[in-house]
Each structure stands twice: as structure tokens, then as C-alpha cells.
N, C-alpha and C. Protein backbone atom coordinates (compact mmCIF):
# COMPACT_ATOMS: atom_id res chain seq x y z
N MET A 1 22.58 -30.54 -11.03
CA MET A 1 21.53 -30.83 -11.72
C MET A 1 20.30 -31.22 -10.79
N ARG A 2 19.09 -30.71 -11.14
CA ARG A 2 17.86 -30.82 -10.35
C ARG A 2 17.30 -32.14 -10.74
N GLN A 3 17.02 -32.91 -9.79
CA GLN A 3 16.34 -34.28 -10.10
C GLN A 3 14.83 -34.18 -9.75
N LEU A 4 13.78 -34.49 -10.56
CA LEU A 4 12.48 -34.38 -10.38
C LEU A 4 11.92 -35.81 -10.27
N PHE A 5 11.04 -36.07 -9.36
CA PHE A 5 10.49 -37.36 -9.37
C PHE A 5 9.21 -37.45 -8.67
N LEU A 6 8.37 -38.43 -9.11
CA LEU A 6 7.06 -38.67 -8.70
C LEU A 6 7.01 -40.08 -7.81
N ILE A 7 6.47 -40.16 -6.67
CA ILE A 7 6.51 -41.26 -5.79
C ILE A 7 5.10 -41.67 -5.61
N THR A 8 4.99 -43.09 -5.76
CA THR A 8 3.81 -43.74 -5.47
C THR A 8 4.12 -44.72 -4.42
N THR A 9 3.25 -45.00 -3.37
CA THR A 9 3.78 -45.78 -2.17
C THR A 9 2.57 -46.75 -1.83
N ALA A 10 3.14 -47.71 -1.12
CA ALA A 10 2.27 -48.65 -0.41
C ALA A 10 2.84 -49.16 0.79
N ALA A 11 2.43 -48.94 2.01
CA ALA A 11 3.25 -49.47 3.19
C ALA A 11 2.28 -50.12 3.93
N THR A 12 2.75 -51.29 4.58
CA THR A 12 1.65 -51.95 5.54
C THR A 12 2.45 -52.23 6.77
N LEU A 13 1.96 -51.93 7.93
CA LEU A 13 2.52 -52.53 9.23
C LEU A 13 1.95 -53.95 9.55
N ALA A 14 2.80 -54.83 9.77
CA ALA A 14 2.42 -56.28 10.00
C ALA A 14 3.15 -56.79 11.23
N ALA A 15 2.69 -57.88 11.62
CA ALA A 15 3.41 -58.49 12.84
C ALA A 15 4.80 -59.10 12.49
N CYS A 16 5.03 -59.23 11.09
CA CYS A 16 6.26 -59.74 10.62
C CYS A 16 7.28 -58.60 10.61
N GLY A 17 8.53 -58.92 10.31
CA GLY A 17 9.52 -57.97 10.11
C GLY A 17 9.48 -57.23 8.92
N PRO A 18 10.37 -56.16 8.71
CA PRO A 18 10.41 -55.37 7.47
C PRO A 18 10.59 -56.14 6.22
N LYS A 19 10.03 -55.62 5.23
CA LYS A 19 10.24 -56.34 3.84
C LYS A 19 10.00 -55.43 2.64
N ILE A 20 11.00 -55.30 1.74
CA ILE A 20 10.76 -54.58 0.49
C ILE A 20 9.99 -55.41 -0.61
N GLN A 21 8.80 -55.24 -0.72
CA GLN A 21 8.08 -56.21 -1.61
C GLN A 21 8.16 -55.71 -3.17
N GLN A 22 8.30 -54.43 -3.40
CA GLN A 22 8.47 -54.07 -4.82
C GLN A 22 9.10 -52.76 -4.50
N PHE A 23 10.20 -52.43 -5.65
CA PHE A 23 10.86 -51.11 -5.62
C PHE A 23 11.25 -50.87 -7.05
N GLU A 24 10.75 -49.91 -7.69
CA GLU A 24 10.94 -49.45 -9.12
C GLU A 24 11.24 -47.98 -9.13
N VAL A 25 12.39 -47.62 -10.07
CA VAL A 25 12.70 -46.30 -10.46
C VAL A 25 12.77 -46.25 -11.87
N THR A 26 12.00 -45.44 -12.69
CA THR A 26 11.94 -45.41 -14.05
C THR A 26 11.82 -43.93 -14.56
N PRO A 27 12.51 -43.71 -15.68
CA PRO A 27 13.61 -44.63 -16.33
C PRO A 27 14.89 -44.80 -15.59
N ARG A 28 15.65 -45.56 -16.05
CA ARG A 28 17.19 -45.69 -15.40
C ARG A 28 18.16 -44.89 -15.94
N ARG A 29 17.91 -44.45 -17.18
CA ARG A 29 18.94 -43.50 -17.91
C ARG A 29 18.16 -42.21 -18.34
N ILE A 30 18.73 -41.12 -17.87
CA ILE A 30 18.00 -39.95 -18.17
C ILE A 30 18.81 -38.84 -18.73
N CYS A 31 18.27 -37.64 -19.28
CA CYS A 31 19.08 -36.46 -19.51
C CYS A 31 18.74 -35.52 -18.29
N ALA A 32 19.63 -34.40 -18.02
CA ALA A 32 19.41 -33.49 -17.16
C ALA A 32 18.06 -32.92 -17.20
N GLY A 33 17.28 -32.78 -16.08
CA GLY A 33 16.08 -32.22 -16.06
C GLY A 33 14.94 -33.20 -16.26
N THR A 34 15.23 -34.31 -16.69
CA THR A 34 14.06 -35.39 -16.99
C THR A 34 13.67 -35.90 -15.61
N PRO A 35 12.34 -36.05 -15.56
CA PRO A 35 11.87 -36.60 -14.23
C PRO A 35 11.95 -38.10 -14.12
N VAL A 36 12.06 -38.63 -12.88
CA VAL A 36 11.98 -40.05 -12.67
C VAL A 36 10.70 -40.41 -11.93
N THR A 37 10.26 -41.64 -12.07
CA THR A 37 9.06 -42.07 -11.17
C THR A 37 9.58 -43.17 -10.16
N ILE A 38 9.05 -43.02 -8.95
CA ILE A 38 9.53 -44.00 -8.00
C ILE A 38 8.33 -44.64 -7.42
N SER A 39 8.24 -46.02 -7.40
CA SER A 39 7.18 -46.69 -6.89
C SER A 39 7.70 -47.82 -5.95
N PHE A 40 7.18 -48.08 -4.73
CA PHE A 40 7.43 -49.10 -3.84
C PHE A 40 6.35 -49.67 -3.04
N LYS A 41 6.39 -51.01 -2.54
CA LYS A 41 5.62 -51.43 -1.60
C LYS A 41 6.25 -52.17 -0.62
N VAL A 42 6.12 -51.69 0.72
CA VAL A 42 6.99 -52.31 1.66
C VAL A 42 6.21 -52.80 2.89
N ARG A 43 6.78 -53.72 3.49
CA ARG A 43 6.14 -54.07 4.88
C ARG A 43 7.02 -53.31 5.88
N GLY A 44 6.43 -52.44 6.72
CA GLY A 44 7.05 -51.62 7.67
C GLY A 44 7.11 -50.16 7.42
N ALA A 45 7.71 -49.33 8.09
CA ALA A 45 7.57 -47.88 7.89
C ALA A 45 8.76 -47.59 6.78
N PRO A 46 8.36 -46.85 5.74
CA PRO A 46 9.25 -46.68 4.63
C PRO A 46 9.92 -45.17 4.82
N HIS A 47 11.29 -45.28 4.25
CA HIS A 47 12.08 -44.16 4.17
C HIS A 47 12.83 -44.01 2.95
N LEU A 48 12.93 -43.08 2.17
CA LEU A 48 13.63 -43.09 0.75
C LEU A 48 14.73 -42.14 1.00
N THR A 49 16.03 -42.53 0.52
CA THR A 49 17.10 -41.74 0.53
C THR A 49 17.71 -41.66 -0.94
N THR A 50 18.43 -40.61 -1.14
CA THR A 50 19.14 -40.38 -2.48
C THR A 50 20.60 -40.03 -2.22
N VAL A 51 21.42 -40.56 -3.11
CA VAL A 51 22.85 -40.16 -2.99
C VAL A 51 23.28 -39.95 -4.35
N ARG A 52 23.96 -38.89 -4.69
CA ARG A 52 24.48 -38.52 -6.18
C ARG A 52 25.98 -38.38 -6.05
N ARG A 53 26.47 -39.10 -7.30
CA ARG A 53 28.04 -38.99 -7.34
C ARG A 53 28.14 -38.71 -8.80
N GLY A 54 29.28 -38.05 -9.23
CA GLY A 54 29.59 -37.69 -10.46
C GLY A 54 30.72 -38.48 -11.02
N THR A 55 30.83 -38.46 -12.38
CA THR A 55 31.86 -39.10 -13.00
C THR A 55 32.14 -38.26 -14.06
N ALA A 56 33.30 -38.65 -15.03
CA ALA A 56 33.42 -37.68 -16.22
C ALA A 56 32.46 -37.89 -17.32
N LEU A 57 31.49 -39.08 -17.33
CA LEU A 57 30.62 -39.17 -18.22
C LEU A 57 29.22 -38.80 -17.79
N SER A 58 28.82 -39.01 -16.49
CA SER A 58 27.50 -38.80 -16.04
C SER A 58 27.44 -38.73 -14.48
N ASP A 59 26.26 -38.34 -14.10
CA ASP A 59 25.92 -38.42 -12.66
C ASP A 59 25.13 -39.53 -12.44
N THR A 60 25.52 -40.23 -11.37
CA THR A 60 24.58 -41.53 -10.81
C THR A 60 23.93 -41.16 -9.58
N THR A 61 22.68 -41.18 -9.60
CA THR A 61 21.75 -41.05 -8.34
C THR A 61 21.44 -42.40 -7.81
N THR A 62 21.79 -42.70 -6.68
CA THR A 62 21.35 -44.05 -6.05
C THR A 62 20.19 -43.75 -5.08
N TYR A 63 19.01 -44.43 -5.44
CA TYR A 63 17.80 -44.28 -4.66
C TYR A 63 17.93 -45.52 -3.80
N THR A 64 17.61 -45.35 -2.53
CA THR A 64 17.54 -46.44 -1.44
C THR A 64 16.15 -46.37 -0.61
N ILE A 65 15.44 -47.40 -0.81
CA ILE A 65 14.24 -47.58 0.03
C ILE A 65 14.38 -48.41 1.24
N VAL A 66 14.26 -47.81 2.33
CA VAL A 66 14.40 -48.50 3.55
C VAL A 66 13.05 -48.81 4.20
N ALA A 67 12.85 -50.00 4.76
CA ALA A 67 11.69 -50.23 5.50
C ALA A 67 12.11 -50.61 6.92
N THR A 68 11.35 -50.12 7.88
CA THR A 68 11.86 -50.41 9.31
C THR A 68 10.61 -50.97 10.12
N ALA A 69 10.80 -52.04 10.95
CA ALA A 69 9.67 -52.59 11.95
C ALA A 69 10.26 -53.34 12.91
N ARG A 70 9.97 -53.15 14.13
CA ARG A 70 10.20 -53.72 15.20
C ARG A 70 11.78 -53.88 15.56
N GLY A 71 12.39 -52.69 15.10
CA GLY A 71 13.88 -52.48 15.35
C GLY A 71 14.64 -52.98 14.27
N ASP A 72 14.11 -53.74 13.31
CA ASP A 72 14.85 -54.30 12.08
C ASP A 72 14.66 -53.45 10.92
N SER A 73 15.60 -53.44 9.99
CA SER A 73 15.33 -52.82 8.76
C SER A 73 15.71 -53.66 7.51
N ALA A 74 15.11 -53.40 6.34
CA ALA A 74 15.34 -54.04 5.11
C ALA A 74 15.46 -52.90 4.04
N TYR A 75 16.36 -53.10 3.06
CA TYR A 75 16.45 -51.95 2.08
C TYR A 75 16.76 -52.63 0.59
N SER A 76 16.47 -51.69 -0.35
CA SER A 76 16.77 -52.13 -1.72
C SER A 76 17.22 -50.79 -2.41
N LYS A 77 18.28 -50.94 -3.33
CA LYS A 77 18.74 -49.74 -4.14
C LYS A 77 18.51 -49.84 -5.52
N MET A 78 18.61 -48.87 -6.24
CA MET A 78 18.49 -48.65 -7.60
C MET A 78 19.22 -47.40 -8.10
N ASP A 79 20.08 -47.44 -9.21
CA ASP A 79 20.74 -46.34 -9.75
C ASP A 79 20.04 -45.78 -10.97
N VAL A 80 20.04 -44.59 -11.06
CA VAL A 80 19.75 -43.76 -12.27
C VAL A 80 20.81 -42.99 -12.79
N ILE A 81 21.11 -43.06 -13.96
CA ILE A 81 22.24 -42.32 -14.65
C ILE A 81 21.79 -41.16 -15.37
N THR A 82 22.30 -40.01 -14.96
CA THR A 82 21.87 -38.74 -15.51
C THR A 82 23.20 -38.34 -16.47
N PHE A 83 22.85 -38.01 -17.91
CA PHE A 83 23.93 -37.70 -18.74
C PHE A 83 23.79 -36.13 -18.71
N GLY A 84 25.09 -35.61 -18.67
CA GLY A 84 25.22 -34.11 -18.60
C GLY A 84 25.25 -33.56 -20.24
N SER A 85 25.34 -32.47 -20.43
CA SER A 85 25.22 -31.80 -21.76
C SER A 85 26.63 -31.70 -22.50
N THR A 86 27.55 -31.65 -21.74
CA THR A 86 28.86 -31.54 -22.42
C THR A 86 29.91 -32.71 -22.02
N GLN A 87 30.52 -33.31 -22.70
CA GLN A 87 31.63 -34.44 -22.39
C GLN A 87 32.79 -34.13 -23.22
N THR A 88 33.86 -34.55 -22.66
CA THR A 88 35.22 -34.73 -23.19
C THR A 88 35.51 -36.10 -23.40
N LEU A 89 35.95 -36.59 -24.53
CA LEU A 89 36.27 -38.02 -24.95
C LEU A 89 37.81 -37.85 -25.16
N SER A 90 38.46 -38.97 -24.62
CA SER A 90 39.97 -39.15 -24.93
C SER A 90 40.08 -40.42 -25.57
N PHE A 91 40.92 -40.24 -26.60
CA PHE A 91 41.18 -41.49 -27.41
C PHE A 91 42.66 -41.71 -27.44
N ALA A 92 43.07 -42.91 -27.22
CA ALA A 92 44.67 -43.29 -27.23
C ALA A 92 45.17 -43.41 -28.56
N THR A 93 46.36 -42.82 -28.79
CA THR A 93 46.93 -42.57 -30.06
C THR A 93 47.93 -43.67 -30.51
N ASP A 94 48.14 -43.87 -31.67
CA ASP A 94 49.11 -44.78 -32.23
C ASP A 94 49.67 -44.05 -33.39
N MET A 95 51.03 -44.22 -33.78
CA MET A 95 51.62 -43.61 -35.08
C MET A 95 50.87 -44.35 -36.26
N LEU A 96 50.74 -43.49 -37.17
CA LEU A 96 50.37 -43.78 -38.45
C LEU A 96 51.36 -43.23 -39.44
N GLY A 97 52.22 -44.16 -40.03
CA GLY A 97 53.42 -43.82 -40.75
C GLY A 97 54.47 -43.27 -39.73
N ARG A 98 55.17 -42.17 -40.43
CA ARG A 98 56.20 -41.41 -39.64
C ARG A 98 55.75 -39.92 -39.22
N ASP A 99 54.65 -39.54 -39.78
CA ASP A 99 54.23 -38.23 -39.68
C ASP A 99 52.81 -37.91 -39.20
N SER A 100 52.28 -38.95 -38.80
CA SER A 100 50.72 -38.71 -38.40
C SER A 100 50.35 -39.55 -37.13
N LEU A 101 49.27 -39.20 -36.46
CA LEU A 101 48.64 -39.92 -35.42
C LEU A 101 47.32 -40.41 -35.87
N VAL A 102 47.12 -41.55 -35.25
CA VAL A 102 45.68 -42.04 -35.40
C VAL A 102 45.20 -42.59 -34.08
N ALA A 103 43.81 -42.19 -33.75
CA ALA A 103 43.14 -42.83 -32.48
C ALA A 103 41.94 -43.38 -33.00
N ARG A 104 41.56 -44.64 -32.58
CA ARG A 104 40.37 -45.37 -32.88
C ARG A 104 39.71 -46.02 -31.49
N ASP A 105 38.54 -45.86 -31.56
CA ASP A 105 37.78 -46.65 -30.42
C ASP A 105 36.39 -46.72 -30.85
N THR A 106 35.85 -47.83 -30.23
CA THR A 106 34.31 -47.85 -30.54
C THR A 106 33.66 -47.86 -29.06
N LEU A 107 32.76 -46.76 -29.08
CA LEU A 107 32.04 -46.48 -27.80
C LEU A 107 30.69 -47.46 -27.72
N PRO A 108 30.62 -48.19 -26.52
CA PRO A 108 29.54 -48.97 -26.35
C PRO A 108 28.24 -48.51 -26.44
N ALA A 109 27.19 -49.01 -27.00
CA ALA A 109 25.85 -48.57 -27.13
C ALA A 109 25.15 -48.62 -25.75
N ASP A 110 25.60 -49.50 -24.83
CA ASP A 110 24.85 -49.69 -23.54
C ASP A 110 25.28 -48.41 -22.65
N ALA A 111 26.46 -47.93 -22.81
CA ALA A 111 26.97 -46.75 -21.90
C ALA A 111 26.29 -45.38 -22.58
N TRP A 112 26.10 -45.36 -23.92
CA TRP A 112 25.63 -44.13 -24.51
C TRP A 112 24.08 -44.31 -25.24
N ALA A 113 23.38 -45.17 -24.48
CA ALA A 113 22.22 -45.50 -25.03
C ALA A 113 21.15 -44.16 -25.22
N GLY A 114 20.95 -44.06 -26.51
CA GLY A 114 19.92 -42.91 -26.71
C GLY A 114 20.60 -41.47 -26.86
N MET A 115 21.94 -41.43 -26.42
CA MET A 115 22.51 -40.02 -26.51
C MET A 115 22.81 -39.82 -27.90
N GLN A 116 22.60 -38.48 -28.40
CA GLN A 116 22.80 -38.02 -29.61
C GLN A 116 23.93 -36.92 -29.63
N ILE A 117 24.74 -36.73 -30.58
CA ILE A 117 25.60 -35.65 -30.78
C ILE A 117 24.90 -34.31 -31.22
N ALA A 118 25.15 -33.24 -30.57
CA ALA A 118 24.72 -31.89 -31.05
C ALA A 118 25.99 -31.30 -31.77
N ASP A 119 27.05 -30.95 -31.22
CA ASP A 119 28.22 -30.29 -31.74
C ASP A 119 29.49 -30.98 -31.17
N VAL A 120 30.47 -30.90 -32.10
CA VAL A 120 31.82 -31.52 -31.83
C VAL A 120 32.94 -30.46 -31.87
N PHE A 121 33.97 -30.41 -31.02
CA PHE A 121 34.95 -29.56 -31.03
C PHE A 121 36.20 -30.37 -30.96
N ALA A 122 37.45 -29.90 -31.52
CA ALA A 122 38.69 -30.28 -31.38
C ALA A 122 39.28 -29.81 -30.01
N ASP A 123 39.39 -30.63 -28.94
CA ASP A 123 39.78 -30.11 -27.71
C ASP A 123 41.28 -30.37 -27.58
N SER A 124 42.09 -29.79 -28.38
CA SER A 124 43.42 -29.96 -28.34
C SER A 124 44.10 -28.82 -28.95
N THR A 125 45.39 -28.80 -29.15
CA THR A 125 46.10 -27.80 -29.82
C THR A 125 46.42 -28.13 -31.21
N ARG A 126 45.83 -29.22 -31.85
CA ARG A 126 45.99 -29.48 -33.34
C ARG A 126 44.72 -29.74 -33.81
N GLY A 127 44.67 -29.58 -35.08
CA GLY A 127 43.57 -29.92 -35.91
C GLY A 127 43.37 -31.39 -36.01
N LEU A 128 42.24 -31.87 -36.33
CA LEU A 128 41.88 -33.38 -36.41
C LEU A 128 41.13 -33.45 -37.58
N VAL A 129 41.10 -34.78 -38.16
CA VAL A 129 40.21 -35.17 -39.19
C VAL A 129 39.32 -36.27 -38.41
N LEU A 130 38.05 -36.08 -38.27
CA LEU A 130 37.20 -37.07 -37.47
C LEU A 130 36.42 -37.95 -38.47
N ILE A 131 36.23 -39.18 -38.21
CA ILE A 131 35.29 -39.95 -38.90
C ILE A 131 34.49 -40.74 -38.01
N HIS A 132 33.14 -40.46 -38.08
CA HIS A 132 32.22 -41.11 -37.21
C HIS A 132 30.80 -41.15 -38.01
N GLY A 133 30.23 -42.34 -37.79
CA GLY A 133 28.75 -42.34 -38.29
C GLY A 133 28.72 -42.29 -39.91
N GLY A 134 29.78 -42.58 -40.48
CA GLY A 134 29.86 -42.49 -42.00
C GLY A 134 30.22 -41.22 -42.50
N LYS A 135 30.39 -40.10 -41.64
CA LYS A 135 30.79 -38.74 -42.04
C LYS A 135 32.29 -38.49 -41.67
N SER A 136 32.83 -37.86 -42.43
CA SER A 136 34.28 -37.20 -42.28
C SER A 136 34.48 -35.79 -42.40
N ALA A 137 34.95 -35.17 -41.38
CA ALA A 137 35.21 -33.61 -41.49
C ALA A 137 36.46 -33.21 -40.69
N ALA A 138 37.04 -32.17 -41.00
CA ALA A 138 38.31 -31.58 -40.33
C ALA A 138 37.71 -30.61 -39.32
N LEU A 139 38.33 -30.83 -38.09
CA LEU A 139 38.07 -29.86 -37.03
C LEU A 139 39.45 -29.23 -36.75
N LYS A 140 39.23 -27.80 -36.66
CA LYS A 140 40.21 -26.96 -36.34
C LYS A 140 40.62 -26.80 -34.95
N ALA A 141 42.10 -26.67 -34.78
CA ALA A 141 42.39 -26.54 -33.17
C ALA A 141 41.65 -25.28 -32.61
N GLY A 142 41.02 -25.47 -31.52
CA GLY A 142 40.38 -24.27 -30.88
C GLY A 142 39.45 -23.61 -31.81
N GLY A 143 38.83 -24.38 -32.83
CA GLY A 143 37.94 -23.73 -33.79
C GLY A 143 36.54 -23.93 -33.23
N ALA A 144 35.63 -23.35 -34.12
CA ALA A 144 34.18 -23.45 -33.86
C ALA A 144 33.54 -24.88 -33.81
N ALA A 145 32.42 -24.98 -33.32
CA ALA A 145 31.87 -26.37 -33.29
C ALA A 145 31.41 -26.83 -34.58
N GLN A 146 31.49 -28.10 -34.89
CA GLN A 146 31.01 -28.61 -36.02
C GLN A 146 29.82 -29.46 -35.73
N ALA A 147 28.79 -29.10 -36.71
CA ALA A 147 27.50 -29.69 -36.65
C ALA A 147 27.33 -30.85 -37.55
N ASP A 148 28.44 -31.34 -38.21
CA ASP A 148 28.25 -32.27 -39.21
C ASP A 148 27.64 -33.62 -38.66
N TRP A 149 27.72 -33.91 -37.27
CA TRP A 149 27.38 -35.11 -36.75
C TRP A 149 26.09 -35.03 -35.86
N ARG A 150 25.45 -33.88 -36.01
CA ARG A 150 24.25 -33.53 -35.21
C ARG A 150 23.14 -34.58 -35.41
N GLY A 151 22.61 -35.02 -34.39
CA GLY A 151 21.57 -36.16 -34.54
C GLY A 151 22.07 -37.55 -34.46
N GLN A 152 23.49 -37.80 -34.71
CA GLN A 152 24.06 -38.94 -34.72
C GLN A 152 24.15 -39.54 -33.50
N PRO A 153 24.20 -41.04 -33.18
CA PRO A 153 24.46 -41.47 -31.87
C PRO A 153 25.83 -41.35 -31.43
N VAL A 154 26.14 -41.19 -30.24
CA VAL A 154 27.35 -41.10 -29.64
C VAL A 154 27.96 -42.50 -29.76
N SER A 155 27.38 -43.57 -29.50
CA SER A 155 27.92 -44.92 -29.75
C SER A 155 28.49 -45.25 -31.05
N GLY A 156 29.32 -46.18 -31.15
CA GLY A 156 29.88 -46.67 -32.48
C GLY A 156 31.37 -46.36 -32.60
N PRO A 157 31.77 -46.54 -33.80
CA PRO A 157 33.20 -46.44 -33.97
C PRO A 157 33.70 -44.97 -34.29
N TRP A 158 34.83 -44.59 -33.66
CA TRP A 158 35.38 -43.28 -33.79
C TRP A 158 36.77 -43.46 -34.37
N ASP A 159 37.12 -42.68 -35.33
CA ASP A 159 38.20 -42.58 -35.92
C ASP A 159 38.88 -41.28 -36.07
N LEU A 160 40.06 -40.84 -35.41
CA LEU A 160 40.67 -39.55 -35.47
C LEU A 160 42.03 -39.65 -36.15
N HIS A 161 42.41 -38.61 -36.93
CA HIS A 161 43.70 -38.57 -37.62
C HIS A 161 44.32 -37.21 -37.38
N ALA A 162 45.50 -37.17 -37.12
CA ALA A 162 46.17 -35.69 -36.93
C ALA A 162 47.61 -35.76 -37.27
N GLY A 163 48.09 -34.74 -37.78
CA GLY A 163 49.52 -34.65 -38.11
C GLY A 163 50.36 -34.32 -37.00
N LEU A 164 51.69 -34.61 -36.99
CA LEU A 164 52.52 -34.28 -35.98
C LEU A 164 52.74 -32.78 -35.94
N LEU A 165 52.97 -32.33 -34.83
CA LEU A 165 53.41 -30.70 -34.71
C LEU A 165 54.94 -30.67 -34.83
N ARG A 166 55.31 -29.43 -35.10
CA ARG A 166 56.78 -29.23 -35.15
C ARG A 166 57.45 -29.46 -33.81
N GLY A 167 58.40 -30.29 -33.91
CA GLY A 167 59.14 -30.65 -32.65
C GLY A 167 58.75 -32.07 -32.17
N GLU A 168 57.74 -32.59 -32.59
CA GLU A 168 57.27 -33.81 -32.15
C GLU A 168 58.09 -35.02 -32.70
N ILE A 169 58.80 -35.87 -32.08
CA ILE A 169 59.68 -36.79 -32.67
C ILE A 169 59.27 -38.17 -32.12
N PRO A 170 58.83 -39.06 -33.02
CA PRO A 170 58.33 -40.49 -32.45
C PRO A 170 59.59 -41.09 -31.90
N GLY A 171 59.42 -41.74 -30.71
CA GLY A 171 60.46 -42.55 -30.20
C GLY A 171 61.44 -41.73 -29.42
N ASN A 172 61.23 -40.38 -29.25
CA ASN A 172 62.15 -39.48 -28.47
C ASN A 172 61.34 -39.17 -27.11
N PRO A 173 61.48 -39.61 -26.05
CA PRO A 173 60.77 -39.40 -24.84
C PRO A 173 60.57 -37.95 -24.54
N ALA A 174 61.59 -37.14 -24.85
CA ALA A 174 61.51 -35.69 -24.49
C ALA A 174 60.44 -35.03 -25.48
N HIS A 175 60.27 -35.51 -26.69
CA HIS A 175 59.46 -34.73 -27.73
C HIS A 175 58.60 -35.72 -28.21
N HIS A 176 58.11 -36.79 -27.78
CA HIS A 176 57.10 -37.85 -28.21
C HIS A 176 55.78 -37.17 -28.50
N PRO A 177 55.19 -37.69 -29.53
CA PRO A 177 53.79 -37.06 -29.69
C PRO A 177 52.86 -37.38 -28.60
N PRO A 178 51.69 -36.80 -28.28
CA PRO A 178 50.74 -37.05 -27.17
C PRO A 178 50.36 -38.41 -27.35
N ALA A 179 50.07 -39.08 -26.10
CA ALA A 179 49.42 -40.38 -25.97
C ALA A 179 47.89 -40.42 -26.16
N HIS A 180 47.17 -39.18 -26.11
CA HIS A 180 45.86 -39.14 -26.37
C HIS A 180 45.47 -37.85 -27.20
N LEU A 181 44.36 -38.11 -28.00
CA LEU A 181 43.64 -37.04 -28.64
C LEU A 181 42.38 -36.82 -28.00
N TYR A 182 41.84 -35.57 -27.93
CA TYR A 182 40.62 -35.13 -27.19
C TYR A 182 39.59 -34.58 -28.13
N LEU A 183 38.37 -34.82 -27.95
CA LEU A 183 37.21 -34.29 -28.47
C LEU A 183 36.25 -33.73 -27.40
N ARG A 184 35.68 -32.65 -27.54
CA ARG A 184 34.53 -32.18 -26.82
C ARG A 184 33.45 -31.99 -27.43
N MET A 185 32.27 -32.53 -26.84
CA MET A 185 31.07 -32.55 -27.61
C MET A 185 29.96 -32.11 -26.78
N THR A 186 28.95 -31.45 -27.36
CA THR A 186 27.60 -31.34 -26.58
C THR A 186 26.85 -32.37 -27.02
N LEU A 187 25.87 -32.81 -25.87
CA LEU A 187 24.95 -34.00 -26.26
C LEU A 187 23.56 -33.51 -26.10
N ALA A 188 22.80 -34.35 -26.84
CA ALA A 188 21.35 -34.16 -26.81
C ALA A 188 20.79 -35.50 -26.40
N CYS A 189 19.44 -35.63 -25.81
CA CYS A 189 18.70 -36.84 -25.71
C CYS A 189 18.04 -37.20 -26.93
N ALA A 190 17.56 -38.36 -27.20
CA ALA A 190 16.85 -38.92 -28.33
C ALA A 190 15.42 -38.39 -28.04
N GLU A 191 14.52 -38.51 -28.83
CA GLU A 191 13.17 -38.13 -28.72
C GLU A 191 12.63 -38.63 -27.56
N GLY A 192 11.75 -37.83 -26.76
CA GLY A 192 11.12 -38.19 -25.53
C GLY A 192 11.78 -37.82 -24.28
N GLY A 193 13.12 -37.28 -24.36
CA GLY A 193 13.81 -36.78 -23.41
C GLY A 193 14.58 -37.73 -22.58
N GLN A 194 14.60 -38.91 -23.00
CA GLN A 194 15.43 -40.01 -22.21
C GLN A 194 16.31 -40.80 -23.41
N PRO A 195 17.45 -41.40 -22.85
CA PRO A 195 18.39 -42.03 -23.64
C PRO A 195 17.57 -43.24 -24.13
């Protein structure tokens, strides 16, 4: 992902040691391709570094401002989370009766702030019934994308139901139903290009 940024600076050389007087990176949560603005005021010679690391959910870019003076240095860090466009979600299963699986979880608003659903796919070998955001629909195994949840927030309660497949036997370690059900979704940012 390409990161765009605008930098405003203020640096002063003084008789005292280095100091980070102000350091801001905004916004702190973005969609791919959204620019960030970096502003800082330091005492000493400034130097900005970036380090990017990825997770299953997002990329995190750590911006570090370093001020050096008289052989000493001071620094401050800020993280910016960049959400990707496709995510796979994993939901732990429980038995529902003797012939069905259920998987329920609530995704926190702070981790998915402003992210909206574009399309949802059943990322497994079985069909699912998905309930989210007050809507319910069937997802076919390996089937086409469902747009029923388009524009809905990713955060909130998710409820997945699936029947057992032939040969799956609850309690039998060799033929036990899966421990997780998977969904794949494409994401979109809320209005304004940021979560």
C-alpha cells in the first residue's frame, strides 16, 4: 500500500538538549490510499522514520520523529492503522442441537471504526446462514458475493449457522465438525475516506 503524507515542521537549534515539543499524525485510522498529515515542532535537528508491519486485519505504520542535538537524541512515536480492502474473519463454533453449528461473536467498534461492508462471501466448504445488522441471508459455499450487508458497519454482533456435513460426528475426534467458520468480505471506508 502506498502511504501519502503532508509534513509541516518547526525546528529550532538551541543551547539546550534535544526535545520533541509537539508531534501529531492525523488521521490515525485510514483506508488504503488515504493521505496522512504529519506536523512536529522539535528542539534540535529533526529526522522522521517510518516502519510498516502487517497483521491479518490491517497494516500499522509507526512514524517516529527523532531530534538530535549535542550528541543526544529525543524521540516520539505515533501509529497509523491502514485497513485493507479484503479481510477474512474466523468465528469459533459450538454445536446447536445435534445437527448444526453456530458461531457468534461481537466485533468491537474501536477496532473497526468507520469500516463498512461491501460484499460478503462464505469462505468455507459449507453454506452458511449469516445474521448481522438486523439482516439474515444464506451464503452458498464457494458462491457469489452477497451485497445484502453493503454499507453496514463491520462492528457489532455476528451470528453464523451451518448444518453438519456428511461424515461429521460431534464428539468423535477423527470426524468432529470444524472448530471455526470463516467469512471473507470486501471493505469500504465510511464517507470522507477514513474510518
